[in-house]
Amino acid sequence: MDYTNLGRTGLTVSRLCLGCMTYGEPKRGNHEWTLDEEASRPFIREAIEAGINFLDTANVYSLGSSEEIVGRALRDFARRDEIVLATKVHGEMRPGPNGRGLSRKAILAEIDNSLRRLGTDYVDLYQIHRFDPHTPIEETLEALHDVVKAGKARYIGASSMFAWQFCKALMVAERHGWTRFVSMQNHLNLLYREEEREMLGLCREEGIGVIPWSPLARGRLARARGEGGTARAETDAFSRKLYEATNDADDRVIDAVGAVAEELGATRAAVSLAWLLAKPGVTAPIIGASKPHHLKDALAALSLQLSAEQVERLERNYVPHAVAGF
C-alpha cells in the first residue's frame, strides 16, 4: 500500500479510501442495494489487511446503519489509532424541522449520534456532505470549530460544492481563526471532469487534499458498453441522475478505457483509477467494494503506470458536462 499526507496536514492516509456507503442494512434508508452486516464485514476486513487505513462513511448512509457496521468492524479488525475514520453530516436523518442541514443545532447533535453509532470518542475527519444554502457559513464553521476543540474530530473536510463557495468558507475560517477545511470530497472521474476547471486548482493552491467520490462513474468505467449493470445501477436513482445525459463522447471515453486496459493487460477499473491517482493534487479516490475483484482491481491501480500517450487517448474525447453531484 502507498501512503501520503492529506493535503498539507501531517495526517497520513492510504492512497485508496474505502467508501462505506455500500455497507448498510438494505431495509434502512433508500439504498436497496447495500450489503448487510454479515456480507459487509469480509470486505472491510480485507481492505484493512491490504493496508487501507482510510475509511469514509456518513450519518445518512442507510440512516446510520453504515456507521454502526463500520464501527463494529473496526473494533474487531483494527486498532482505532491506526485507522483514519471519516464521516459526514448534512443529509436528512429525521423528518421535520432541524432534521438535516448544517445549523449549529444539527451539527452538534449529529456528531454525537455518529460517535455513538461508530463506537468511538472521535472521528479523524468530519465532513460537510453538501453546502447548506439555508445556514450562514459562519454558523456552520464555528460549530465545526467547536467540534474540533471538544476533541470529537481531528480535522474537518467538505464535499461537492462550487469552488467559490469553498473559497469563501476557507476565507471566513481564516478571518475568524476557526478550524480550516483540509479536504474536498468531490465528483471526479473520466466521464465527469468539470472539477478540473476551478476546484482542483483551488485545492492545489490552498493545500487541500482531494478525495474523489464515484471514481468509476458508478461502474460505467469498469465495464464495456452494453454489458449488464449491477443491482445498484438499476435501482439507485441518484446514479441515474448523475449519468443520465450520456452522449457519444462518453461512449468513446469508455471505449478508450477498454483499449488501454487491453494493451496493459489490466482491468478497466484499474486503468480508470490509475488515471485518477496520477492527477496532481488527488490524495485518495474513494473506492467501493462489494464483489471479490473490486479491491483487487483497485490495488492493481497503485502500480499501474500510464504513458503520456495513453493519458491523452483517455482524455481526448471528453466534452463539457452539466454540473452534477451537488
C-alpha atoms as a PDB file:
ATOM      1  CA  MET A   1       0.000   0.000   0.000  1.00  0.00           C
ATOM      2  CA  ASP A   2       1.155   3.519  -0.761  1.00  0.00           C
ATOM      3  CA  TYR A   3       0.567   6.328   1.719  1.00  0.00           C
ATOM      4  CA  THR A   4       0.575  10.112   1.527  1.00  0.00           C
ATOM      5  CA  ASN A   5      -0.389  13.122   3.599  1.00  0.00           C
ATOM      6  CA  LEU A   6      -3.908  14.522   3.401  1.00  0.00           C
ATOM      7  CA  GLY A   7      -3.258  17.918   1.858  1.00  0.00           C
ATOM      8  CA  ARG A   8      -0.830  19.971   3.924  1.00  0.00           C
ATOM      9  CA  THR A   9      -1.706  18.205   7.160  1.00  0.00           C
ATOM     10  CA  GLY A  10       0.510  15.715   8.943  1.00  0.00           C
ATOM     11  CA  LEU A  11      -2.225  13.077   8.671  1.00  0.00           C
ATOM     12  CA  THR A  12      -1.021  10.022   6.728  1.00  0.00           C
ATOM     13  CA  VAL A  13      -3.620   8.164   4.697  1.00  0.00           C
ATOM     14  CA  SER A  14      -3.577   5.264   2.272  1.00  0.00           C
ATOM     15  CA  ARG A  15      -3.823   6.253  -1.395  1.00  0.00           C
ATOM     16  CA  LEU A  16      -7.096   4.376  -1.563  1.00  0.00           C
ATOM     17  CA  CYS A  17     -10.015   5.208   0.703  1.00  0.00           C
ATOM     18  CA  LEU A  18     -12.675   2.565   1.332  1.00  0.00           C
ATOM     19  CA  GLY A  19     -16.093   4.075   0.753  1.00  0.00           C
ATOM     20  CA  CYS A  20     -18.645   2.549   3.086  1.00  0.00           C
ATOM     21  CA  MET A  21     -21.939   3.633   1.550  1.00  0.00           C
ATOM     22  CA  THR A  22     -22.089   0.064   0.206  1.00  0.00           C
ATOM     23  CA  TYR A  23     -22.360  -1.301   3.744  1.00  0.00           C
ATOM     24  CA  GLY A  24     -25.706  -0.859   5.482  1.00  0.00           C
ATOM     25  CA  GLU A  25     -28.917  -2.684   6.241  1.00  0.00           C
ATOM     26  CA  PRO A  26     -30.969  -2.617   2.998  1.00  0.00           C
ATOM     27  CA  LYS A  27     -34.231  -2.012   4.842  1.00  0.00           C
ATOM     28  CA  ARG A  28     -32.951   1.211   6.408  1.00  0.00           C
ATOM     29  CA  GLY A  29     -32.998   4.264   4.169  1.00  0.00           C
ATOM     30  CA  ASN A  30     -33.396   4.175   0.411  1.00  0.00           C
ATOM     31  CA  HIS A  31     -30.373   2.102  -0.646  1.00  0.00           C
ATOM     32  CA  GLU A  32     -31.859  -1.275  -1.528  1.00  0.00           C
ATOM     33  CA  TRP A  33     -28.572  -2.466  -2.995  1.00  0.00           C
ATOM     34  CA  THR A  34     -26.415  -2.249   0.144  1.00  0.00           C
ATOM     35  CA  LEU A  35     -24.797  -5.251   1.818  1.00  0.00           C
ATOM     36  CA  ASP A  36     -25.985  -6.214   5.268  1.00  0.00           C
ATOM     37  CA  GLU A  37     -23.562  -6.577   8.145  1.00  0.00           C
ATOM     38  CA  GLU A  38     -22.683 -10.212   7.587  1.00  0.00           C
ATOM     39  CA  ALA A  39     -21.912  -9.602   3.917  1.00  0.00           C
ATOM     40  CA  SER A  40     -20.069  -6.324   4.602  1.00  0.00           C
ATOM     41  CA  ARG A  41     -17.548  -7.440   7.189  1.00  0.00           C
ATOM     42  CA  PRO A  42     -15.292  -9.537   4.888  1.00  0.00           C
ATOM     43  CA  PHE A  43     -14.759  -6.549   2.575  1.00  0.00           C
ATOM     44  CA  ILE A  44     -13.885  -4.199   5.419  1.00  0.00           C
ATOM     45  CA  ARG A  45     -11.506  -6.748   6.878  1.00  0.00           C
ATOM     46  CA  GLU A  46      -9.840  -7.420   3.521  1.00  0.00           C
ATOM     47  CA  ALA A  47      -9.313  -3.696   2.933  1.00  0.00           C
ATOM     48  CA  ILE A  48      -7.679  -3.232   6.329  1.00  0.00           C
ATOM     49  CA  GLU A  49      -5.465  -6.271   5.828  1.00  0.00           C
ATOM     50  CA  ALA A  50      -4.402  -4.841   2.455  1.00  0.00           C
ATOM     51  CA  GLY A  51      -3.148  -1.719   4.216  1.00  0.00           C
ATOM     52  CA  ILE A  52      -6.066   0.645   3.617  1.00  0.00           C
ATOM     53  CA  ASN A  53      -6.202   2.791   6.754  1.00  0.00           C
ATOM     54  CA  PHE A  54      -8.695   5.371   5.429  1.00  0.00           C
ATOM     55  CA  LEU A  55     -12.456   4.644   5.623  1.00  0.00           C
ATOM     56  CA  ASP A  56     -15.269   7.022   4.719  1.00  0.00           C
ATOM     57  CA  THR A  57     -18.923   6.808   5.703  1.00  0.00           C
ATOM     58  CA  ALA A  58     -21.752   9.243   6.522  1.00  0.00           C
ATOM     59  CA  ASN A  59     -24.570   9.583   9.002  1.00  0.00           C
ATOM     60  CA  VAL A  60     -27.160   9.423   6.228  1.00  0.00           C
ATOM     61  CA  TYR A  61     -25.907   6.168   4.694  1.00  0.00           C
ATOM     62  CA  SER A  62     -28.661   3.659   5.421  1.00  0.00           C
ATOM     63  CA  LEU A  63     -29.835   6.066   8.130  1.00  0.00           C
ATOM     64  CA  GLY A  64     -26.887   5.380  10.401  1.00  0.00           C
ATOM     65  CA  SER A  65     -26.628   1.663   9.727  1.00  0.00           C
ATOM     66  CA  SER A  66     -23.398   2.096   7.759  1.00  0.00           C
ATOM     67  CA  GLU A  67     -21.749   3.826  10.708  1.00  0.00           C
ATOM     68  CA  GLU A  68     -22.865   1.035  13.030  1.00  0.00           C
ATOM     69  CA  ILE A  69     -21.491  -1.697  10.762  1.00  0.00           C
ATOM     70  CA  VAL A  70     -18.205   0.124  10.190  1.00  0.00           C
ATOM     71  CA  GLY A  71     -17.773   0.845  13.884  1.00  0.00           C
ATOM     72  CA  ARG A  72     -18.213  -2.776  14.915  1.00  0.00           C
ATOM     73  CA  ALA A  73     -15.924  -3.992  12.136  1.00  0.00           C
ATOM     74  CA  LEU A  74     -13.150  -1.611  13.158  1.00  0.00           C
ATOM     75  CA  ARG A  75     -13.473  -2.722  16.766  1.00  0.00           C
ATOM     76  CA  ASP A  76     -12.926  -6.325  15.674  1.00  0.00           C
ATOM     77  CA  PHE A  77     -10.412  -5.932  12.825  1.00  0.00           C
ATOM     78  CA  ALA A  78      -8.220  -2.932  13.614  1.00  0.00           C
ATOM     79  CA  ARG A  79      -6.646  -0.751  16.262  1.00  0.00           C
ATOM     80  CA  ARG A  80      -8.506   2.549  16.408  1.00  0.00           C
ATOM     81  CA  ASP A  81      -5.370   4.711  16.460  1.00  0.00           C
ATOM     82  CA  GLU A  82      -4.149   3.116  13.235  1.00  0.00           C
ATOM     83  CA  ILE A  83      -7.332   3.987  11.312  1.00  0.00           C
ATOM     84  CA  VAL A  84      -8.288   7.294   9.711  1.00  0.00           C
ATOM     85  CA  LEU A  85     -12.057   7.310  10.109  1.00  0.00           C
ATOM     86  CA  ALA A  86     -14.191   9.826   8.235  1.00  0.00           C
ATOM     87  CA  THR A  87     -17.897  10.516   8.369  1.00  0.00           C
ATOM     88  CA  LYS A  88     -20.203  13.265   7.144  1.00  0.00           C
ATOM     89  CA  VAL A  89     -23.132  15.466   8.179  1.00  0.00           C
ATOM     90  CA  HIS A  90     -25.858  17.265   6.218  1.00  0.00           C
ATOM     91  CA  GLY A  91     -28.466  14.797   4.922  1.00  0.00           C
ATOM     92  CA  GLU A  92     -31.895  14.232   6.415  1.00  0.00           C
ATOM     93  CA  MET A  93     -31.808  11.948   9.440  1.00  0.00           C
ATOM     94  CA  ARG A  94     -35.394  12.528  10.526  1.00  0.00           C
ATOM     95  CA  PRO A  95     -38.395  14.391   9.084  1.00  0.00           C
ATOM     96  CA  GLY A  96     -39.383  17.794  10.312  1.00  0.00           C
ATOM     97  CA  PRO A  97     -37.503  20.945  11.348  1.00  0.00           C
ATOM     98  CA  ASN A  98     -33.796  20.608  12.165  1.00  0.00           C
ATOM     99  CA  GLY A  99     -33.640  17.030  10.929  1.00  0.00           C
ATOM    100  CA  ARG A 100     -30.995  17.888   8.353  1.00  0.00           C
ATOM    101  CA  GLY A 101     -28.579  20.627   7.292  1.00  0.00           C
ATOM    102  CA  LEU A 102     -25.594  22.387   8.786  1.00  0.00           C
ATOM    103  CA  SER A 103     -27.040  24.523  11.554  1.00  0.00           C
ATOM    104  CA  ARG A 104     -25.259  24.598  14.894  1.00  0.00           C
ATOM    105  CA  LYS A 105     -28.088  22.536  16.352  1.00  0.00           C
ATOM    106  CA  ALA A 106     -27.805  19.872  13.642  1.00  0.00           C
ATOM    107  CA  ILE A 107     -24.012  19.609  13.703  1.00  0.00           C
ATOM    108  CA  LEU A 108     -23.687  19.344  17.488  1.00  0.00           C
ATOM    109  CA  ALA A 109     -26.438  16.722  17.646  1.00  0.00           C
ATOM    110  CA  GLU A 110     -25.249  14.677  14.686  1.00  0.00           C
ATOM    111  CA  ILE A 111     -21.591  14.445  15.720  1.00  0.00           C
ATOM    112  CA  ASP A 112     -22.698  12.843  18.977  1.00  0.00           C
ATOM    113  CA  ASN A 113     -25.060  10.500  17.145  1.00  0.00           C
ATOM    114  CA  SER A 114     -22.313   9.472  14.723  1.00  0.00           C
ATOM    115  CA  LEU A 115     -19.809   8.841  17.512  1.00  0.00           C
ATOM    116  CA  ARG A 116     -22.346   6.680  19.333  1.00  0.00           C
ATOM    117  CA  ARG A 117     -23.047   4.596  16.225  1.00  0.00           C
ATOM    118  CA  LEU A 118     -19.363   4.292  15.361  1.00  0.00           C
ATOM    119  CA  GLY A 119     -18.463   3.328  18.921  1.00  0.00           C
ATOM    120  CA  THR A 120     -15.605   5.806  19.162  1.00  0.00           C
ATOM    121  CA  ASP A 121     -14.755   9.003  21.037  1.00  0.00           C
ATOM    122  CA  TYR A 122     -13.669  10.876  17.918  1.00  0.00           C
ATOM    123  CA  VAL A 123     -13.551  10.809  14.144  1.00  0.00           C
ATOM    124  CA  ASP A 124     -10.423  11.762  12.280  1.00  0.00           C
ATOM    125  CA  LEU A 125     -12.227  13.662   9.526  1.00  0.00           C
ATOM    126  CA  TYR A 126     -15.668  15.246   9.932  1.00  0.00           C
ATOM    127  CA  GLN A 127     -17.056  16.462   6.623  1.00  0.00           C
ATOM    128  CA  ILE A 128     -19.987  18.555   5.494  1.00  0.00           C
ATOM    129  CA  HIS A 129     -21.719  16.317   2.950  1.00  0.00           C
ATOM    130  CA  ARG A 130     -23.029  19.221   0.863  1.00  0.00           C
ATOM    131  CA  PHE A 131     -23.198  23.012   1.053  1.00  0.00           C
ATOM    132  CA  ASP A 132     -26.187  24.297   3.031  1.00  0.00           C
ATOM    133  CA  PRO A 133     -27.609  27.463   1.423  1.00  0.00           C
ATOM    134  CA  HIS A 134     -30.086  27.881   4.275  1.00  0.00           C
ATOM    135  CA  THR A 135     -27.463  28.314   7.013  1.00  0.00           C
ATOM    136  CA  PRO A 136     -24.882  31.121   7.243  1.00  0.00           C
ATOM    137  CA  ILE A 137     -21.442  29.688   6.569  1.00  0.00           C
ATOM    138  CA  GLU A 138     -20.215  31.447   9.732  1.00  0.00           C
ATOM    139  CA  GLU A 139     -22.638  29.419  11.858  1.00  0.00           C
ATOM    140  CA  THR A 140     -21.526  26.157  10.255  1.00  0.00           C
ATOM    141  CA  LEU A 141     -17.819  26.882  10.547  1.00  0.00           C
ATOM    142  CA  GLU A 142     -17.984  27.985  14.184  1.00  0.00           C
ATOM    143  CA  ALA A 143     -19.923  24.841  15.096  1.00  0.00           C
ATOM    144  CA  LEU A 144     -17.362  22.667  13.309  1.00  0.00           C
ATOM    145  CA  HIS A 145     -14.558  24.554  15.081  1.00  0.00           C
ATOM    146  CA  ASP A 146     -16.214  23.771  18.421  1.00  0.00           C
ATOM    147  CA  VAL A 147     -16.497  20.085  17.447  1.00  0.00           C
ATOM    148  CA  VAL A 148     -12.741  20.012  16.859  1.00  0.00           C
ATOM    149  CA  LYS A 149     -11.934  21.911  20.047  1.00  0.00           C
ATOM    150  CA  ALA A 150     -14.127  19.486  22.006  1.00  0.00           C
ATOM    151  CA  GLY A 151     -11.924  16.630  20.751  1.00  0.00           C
ATOM    152  CA  LYS A 152     -14.717  14.980  18.784  1.00  0.00           C
ATOM    153  CA  ALA A 153     -12.993  15.433  15.403  1.00  0.00           C
ATOM    154  CA  ARG A 154      -9.337  15.835  14.488  1.00  0.00           C
ATOM    155  CA  TYR A 155      -9.871  17.558  11.124  1.00  0.00           C
ATOM    156  CA  ILE A 156     -12.769  18.860   9.063  1.00  0.00           C
ATOM    157  CA  GLY A 157     -13.481  18.489   5.346  1.00  0.00           C
ATOM    158  CA  ALA A 158     -16.033  19.498   2.725  1.00  0.00           C
ATOM    159  CA  SER A 159     -17.737  17.839  -0.227  1.00  0.00           C
ATOM    160  CA  SER A 160     -19.334  18.724  -3.575  1.00  0.00           C
ATOM    161  CA  MET A 161     -19.866  22.450  -3.945  1.00  0.00           C
ATOM    162  CA  PHE A 162     -18.906  25.286  -6.265  1.00  0.00           C
ATOM    163  CA  ALA A 163     -15.314  26.493  -5.996  1.00  0.00           C
ATOM    164  CA  TRP A 164     -16.482  29.991  -4.988  1.00  0.00           C
ATOM    165  CA  GLN A 165     -18.408  28.505  -2.059  1.00  0.00           C
ATOM    166  CA  PHE A 166     -15.383  26.545  -0.890  1.00  0.00           C
ATOM    167  CA  CYS A 167     -13.121  29.555  -1.325  1.00  0.00           C
ATOM    168  CA  LYS A 168     -15.490  31.665   0.794  1.00  0.00           C
ATOM    169  CA  ALA A 169     -15.520  29.014   3.527  1.00  0.00           C
ATOM    170  CA  LEU A 170     -11.707  28.966   3.631  1.00  0.00           C
ATOM    171  CA  MET A 171     -11.613  32.769   3.782  1.00  0.00           C
ATOM    172  CA  VAL A 172     -14.206  33.015   6.567  1.00  0.00           C
ATOM    173  CA  ALA A 173     -12.414  30.400   8.675  1.00  0.00           C
ATOM    174  CA  GLU A 174      -9.109  32.231   8.283  1.00  0.00           C
ATOM    175  CA  ARG A 175     -10.701  35.589   9.146  1.00  0.00           C
ATOM    176  CA  HIS A 176     -12.121  34.258  12.425  1.00  0.00           C
ATOM    177  CA  GLY A 177      -9.274  31.944  13.377  1.00  0.00           C
ATOM    178  CA  TRP A 178     -11.520  28.886  13.129  1.00  0.00           C
ATOM    179  CA  THR A 179     -10.512  25.370  12.123  1.00  0.00           C
ATOM    180  CA  ARG A 180      -9.944  25.178   8.379  1.00  0.00           C
ATOM    181  CA  PHE A 181     -11.155  22.562   5.930  1.00  0.00           C
ATOM    182  CA  VAL A 182      -8.313  20.224   4.976  1.00  0.00           C
ATOM    183  CA  SER A 183     -10.035  18.100   2.307  1.00  0.00           C
ATOM    184  CA  MET A 184     -12.506  18.215  -0.556  1.00  0.00           C
ATOM    185  CA  GLN A 185     -14.546  15.119  -1.426  1.00  0.00           C
ATOM    186  CA  ASN A 186     -15.780  15.804  -4.932  1.00  0.00           C
ATOM    187  CA  HIS A 187     -17.237  14.141  -8.023  1.00  0.00           C
ATOM    188  CA  LEU A 188     -14.382  13.333 -10.396  1.00  0.00           C
ATOM    189  CA  ASN A 189     -13.726  10.606 -12.963  1.00  0.00           C
ATOM    190  CA  LEU A 190     -13.002  10.154 -16.667  1.00  0.00           C
ATOM    191  CA  LEU A 191     -16.671  10.732 -17.523  1.00  0.00           C
ATOM    192  CA  TYR A 192     -17.053  13.793 -15.292  1.00  0.00           C
ATOM    193  CA  ARG A 193     -14.125  16.210 -15.211  1.00  0.00           C
ATOM    194  CA  GLU A 194     -15.815  19.541 -14.523  1.00  0.00           C
ATOM    195  CA  GLU A 195     -13.886  19.794 -11.241  1.00  0.00           C
ATOM    196  CA  GLU A 196     -10.723  20.382 -13.280  1.00  0.00           C
ATOM    197  CA  ARG A 197     -11.986  23.844 -14.250  1.00  0.00           C
ATOM    198  CA  GLU A 198     -11.767  25.519 -10.834  1.00  0.00           C
ATOM    199  CA  MET A 199     -11.912  23.208  -7.830  1.00  0.00           C
ATOM    200  CA  LEU A 200      -8.755  21.183  -8.403  1.00  0.00           C
ATOM    201  CA  GLY A 201      -6.665  24.294  -8.968  1.00  0.00           C
ATOM    202  CA  LEU A 202      -8.066  25.894  -5.825  1.00  0.00           C
ATOM    203  CA  CYS A 203      -7.285  22.791  -3.786  1.00  0.00           C
ATOM    204  CA  ARG A 204      -3.706  22.610  -5.070  1.00  0.00           C
ATOM    205  CA  GLU A 205      -3.155  26.290  -4.315  1.00  0.00           C
ATOM    206  CA  GLU A 206      -4.596  26.016  -0.807  1.00  0.00           C
ATOM    207  CA  GLY A 207      -3.039  22.661   0.103  1.00  0.00           C
ATOM    208  CA  ILE A 208      -6.371  20.860   0.306  1.00  0.00           C
ATOM    209  CA  GLY A 209      -6.441  17.069  -0.025  1.00  0.00           C
ATOM    210  CA  VAL A 210      -8.753  15.771  -2.773  1.00  0.00           C
ATOM    211  CA  ILE A 211     -10.628  12.503  -2.185  1.00  0.00           C
ATOM    212  CA  PRO A 212     -12.897  11.962  -5.220  1.00  0.00           C
ATOM    213  CA  TRP A 213     -16.122  10.009  -4.987  1.00  0.00           C
ATOM    214  CA  SER A 214     -17.523   7.854  -7.801  1.00  0.00           C
ATOM    215  CA  PRO A 215     -14.087   7.346  -9.393  1.00  0.00           C
ATOM    216  CA  LEU A 216     -15.532   4.677 -11.714  1.00  0.00           C
ATOM    217  CA  ALA A 217     -18.678   6.645 -12.604  1.00  0.00           C
ATOM    218  CA  ARG A 218     -20.883   4.198 -10.719  1.00  0.00           C
ATOM    219  CA  GLY A 219     -19.280   1.273 -12.562  1.00  0.00           C
ATOM    220  CA  ARG A 220     -19.669   2.650 -16.064  1.00  0.00           C
ATOM    221  CA  LEU A 221     -15.904   2.886 -16.488  1.00  0.00           C
ATOM    222  CA  ALA A 222     -15.411  -0.659 -15.215  1.00  0.00           C
ATOM    223  CA  ARG A 223     -17.385  -2.433 -17.931  1.00  0.00           C
ATOM    224  CA  ALA A 224     -17.751  -2.335 -21.708  1.00  0.00           C
ATOM    225  CA  ARG A 225     -20.670  -0.552 -23.264  1.00  0.00           C
ATOM    226  CA  GLY A 226     -23.683  -2.830 -23.418  1.00  0.00           C
ATOM    227  CA  GLU A 227     -22.619  -5.034 -20.542  1.00  0.00           C
ATOM    228  CA  GLY A 228     -25.294  -5.571 -17.915  1.00  0.00           C
ATOM    229  CA  GLY A 229     -25.240  -3.286 -14.912  1.00  0.00           C
ATOM    230  CA  THR A 230     -25.427  -4.091 -11.226  1.00  0.00           C
ATOM    231  CA  ALA A 231     -28.417  -4.073  -8.927  1.00  0.00           C
ATOM    232  CA  ARG A 232     -27.221  -0.698  -7.710  1.00  0.00           C
ATOM    233  CA  ALA A 233     -27.120   0.715 -11.241  1.00  0.00           C
ATOM    234  CA  GLU A 234     -30.670  -0.471 -11.801  1.00  0.00           C
ATOM    235  CA  THR A 235     -32.154   0.830  -8.545  1.00  0.00           C
ATOM    236  CA  ASP A 236     -30.056   3.839  -7.479  1.00  0.00           C
ATOM    237  CA  ALA A 237     -31.948   6.951  -8.608  1.00  0.00           C
ATOM    238  CA  PHE A 238     -29.009   9.240  -7.738  1.00  0.00           C
ATOM    239  CA  SER A 239     -26.691   7.264 -10.017  1.00  0.00           C
ATOM    240  CA  ARG A 240     -29.104   7.572 -12.900  1.00  0.00           C
ATOM    241  CA  LYS A 241     -29.359  11.301 -12.323  1.00  0.00           C
ATOM    242  CA  LEU A 242     -25.590  11.699 -12.404  1.00  0.00           C
ATOM    243  CA  TYR A 243     -25.130   9.973 -15.752  1.00  0.00           C
ATOM    244  CA  GLU A 244     -28.495  10.160 -17.487  1.00  0.00           C
ATOM    245  CA  ALA A 245     -27.240  12.711 -20.011  1.00  0.00           C
ATOM    246  CA  THR A 246     -24.766  10.332 -21.643  1.00  0.00           C
ATOM    247  CA  ASN A 247     -23.561  11.096 -25.156  1.00  0.00           C
ATOM    248  CA  ASP A 248     -21.390   9.705 -27.926  1.00  0.00           C
ATOM    249  CA  ALA A 249     -18.309  11.308 -26.420  1.00  0.00           C
ATOM    250  CA  ASP A 250     -18.850   9.405 -23.165  1.00  0.00           C
ATOM    251  CA  ASP A 251     -19.087   6.192 -25.168  1.00  0.00           C
ATOM    252  CA  ARG A 252     -15.781   6.966 -26.837  1.00  0.00           C
ATOM    253  CA  VAL A 253     -14.155   7.568 -23.436  1.00  0.00           C
ATOM    254  CA  ILE A 254     -15.417   4.187 -22.242  1.00  0.00           C
ATOM    255  CA  ASP A 255     -14.072   2.549 -25.419  1.00  0.00           C
ATOM    256  CA  ALA A 256     -10.677   4.211 -24.881  1.00  0.00           C
ATOM    257  CA  VAL A 257     -10.531   2.838 -21.339  1.00  0.00           C
ATOM    258  CA  GLY A 258     -11.129  -0.633 -22.741  1.00  0.00           C
ATOM    259  CA  ALA A 259      -8.440  -0.245 -25.399  1.00  0.00           C
ATOM    260  CA  VAL A 260      -5.802   0.959 -22.918  1.00  0.00           C
ATOM    261  CA  ALA A 261      -6.749  -1.789 -20.479  1.00  0.00           C
ATOM    262  CA  GLU A 262      -6.268  -4.423 -23.177  1.00  0.00           C
ATOM    263  CA  GLU A 263      -2.847  -3.007 -24.076  1.00  0.00           C
ATOM    264  CA  LEU A 264      -1.699  -3.125 -20.467  1.00  0.00           C
ATOM    265  CA  GLY A 265      -3.292  -6.444 -19.585  1.00  0.00           C
ATOM    266  CA  ALA A 266      -5.199  -4.641 -16.847  1.00  0.00           C
ATOM    267  CA  THR A 267      -8.834  -4.231 -15.933  1.00  0.00           C
ATOM    268  CA  ARG A 268     -10.859  -1.189 -16.950  1.00  0.00           C
ATOM    269  CA  ALA A 269     -11.292  -0.301 -13.303  1.00  0.00           C
ATOM    270  CA  ALA A 270      -7.543  -0.316 -12.678  1.00  0.00           C
ATOM    271  CA  VAL A 271      -6.901   1.930 -15.690  1.00  0.00           C
ATOM    272  CA  SER A 272      -9.581   4.425 -14.641  1.00  0.00           C
ATOM    273  CA  LEU A 273      -8.259   4.571 -11.080  1.00  0.00           C
ATOM    274  CA  ALA A 274      -4.643   4.863 -12.261  1.00  0.00           C
ATOM    275  CA  TRP A 275      -5.623   7.916 -14.322  1.00  0.00           C
ATOM    276  CA  LEU A 276      -7.178   9.499 -11.250  1.00  0.00           C
ATOM    277  CA  LEU A 277      -4.310   8.616  -8.913  1.00  0.00           C
ATOM    278  CA  ALA A 278      -1.861  10.320 -11.297  1.00  0.00           C
ATOM    279  CA  LYS A 279      -3.717  13.638 -11.303  1.00  0.00           C
ATOM    280  CA  PRO A 280      -1.839  16.354  -9.375  1.00  0.00           C
ATOM    281  CA  GLY A 281      -3.474  17.045  -6.042  1.00  0.00           C
ATOM    282  CA  VAL A 282      -5.550  13.877  -5.819  1.00  0.00           C
ATOM    283  CA  THR A 283      -4.908  12.192  -2.480  1.00  0.00           C
ATOM    284  CA  ALA A 284      -7.080   9.074  -2.446  1.00  0.00           C
ATOM    285  CA  PRO A 285     -10.030   8.049  -4.616  1.00  0.00           C
ATOM    286  CA  ILE A 286     -12.934   6.657  -2.610  1.00  0.00           C
ATOM    287  CA  ILE A 287     -13.480   3.125  -3.865  1.00  0.00           C
ATOM    288  CA  GLY A 288     -16.405   0.804  -3.323  1.00  0.00           C
ATOM    289  CA  ALA A 289     -16.022  -2.925  -2.782  1.00  0.00           C
ATOM    290  CA  SER A 290     -18.993  -5.259  -2.958  1.00  0.00           C
ATOM    291  CA  LYS A 291     -17.515  -8.081  -5.063  1.00  0.00           C
ATOM    292  CA  PRO A 292     -14.278 -10.025  -4.564  1.00  0.00           C
ATOM    293  CA  HIS A 293     -12.497  -8.488  -7.559  1.00  0.00           C
ATOM    294  CA  HIS A 294     -13.267  -4.853  -6.670  1.00  0.00           C
ATOM    295  CA  LEU A 295     -10.495  -4.444  -4.116  1.00  0.00           C
ATOM    296  CA  LYS A 296      -8.054  -6.417  -6.280  1.00  0.00           C
ATOM    297  CA  ASP A 297      -8.673  -4.069  -9.209  1.00  0.00           C
ATOM    298  CA  ALA A 298      -8.205  -1.006  -7.009  1.00  0.00           C
ATOM    299  CA  LEU A 299      -4.948  -2.271  -5.531  1.00  0.00           C
ATOM    300  CA  ALA A 300      -3.631  -3.033  -9.023  1.00  0.00           C
ATOM    301  CA  ALA A 301      -4.121   0.618  -9.968  1.00  0.00           C
ATOM    302  CA  LEU A 302      -1.459   1.675  -7.456  1.00  0.00           C
ATOM    303  CA  SER A 303       1.304   0.096  -9.535  1.00  0.00           C
ATOM    304  CA  LEU A 304      -0.141   0.792 -12.982  1.00  0.00           C
ATOM    305  CA  GLN A 305       1.782   3.381 -14.978  1.00  0.00           C
ATOM    306  CA  LEU A 306       0.034   5.128 -17.855  1.00  0.00           C
ATOM    307  CA  SER A 307       2.101   6.701 -20.593  1.00  0.00           C
ATOM    308  CA  ALA A 308       1.501  10.281 -21.683  1.00  0.00           C
ATOM    309  CA  GLU A 309       0.093   8.941 -24.944  1.00  0.00           C
ATOM    310  CA  GLN A 310      -2.339   6.677 -23.117  1.00  0.00           C
ATOM    311  CA  VAL A 311      -3.488   9.508 -20.882  1.00  0.00           C
ATOM    312  CA  GLU A 312      -4.081  11.673 -23.947  1.00  0.00           C
ATOM    313  CA  ARG A 313      -6.219   8.946 -25.523  1.00  0.00           C
ATOM    314  CA  LEU A 314      -8.245   8.566 -22.337  1.00  0.00           C
ATOM    315  CA  GLU A 315      -8.886  12.300 -22.146  1.00  0.00           C
ATOM    316  CA  ARG A 316      -9.212  13.428 -25.773  1.00  0.00           C
ATOM    317  CA  ASN A 317     -12.922  12.663 -26.250  1.00  0.00           C
ATOM    318  CA  TYR A 318     -14.200  14.424 -23.149  1.00  0.00           C
ATOM    319  CA  VAL A 319     -16.802  17.149 -23.719  1.00  0.00           C
ATOM    320  CA  PRO A 320     -18.218  19.615 -21.148  1.00  0.00           C
ATOM    321  CA  HIS A 321     -20.995  18.280 -18.903  1.00  0.00           C
ATOM    322  CA  ALA A 322     -23.659  19.979 -16.853  1.00  0.00           C
ATOM    323  CA  VAL A 323     -22.702  20.258 -13.184  1.00  0.00           C
ATOM    324  CA  ALA A 324     -23.739  17.069 -11.387  1.00  0.00           C
ATOM    325  CA  GLY A 325     -23.425  15.835  -7.834  1.00  0.00           C
ATOM    326  CA  PHE A 326     -24.082  18.965  -5.790  1.00  0.00           C
END
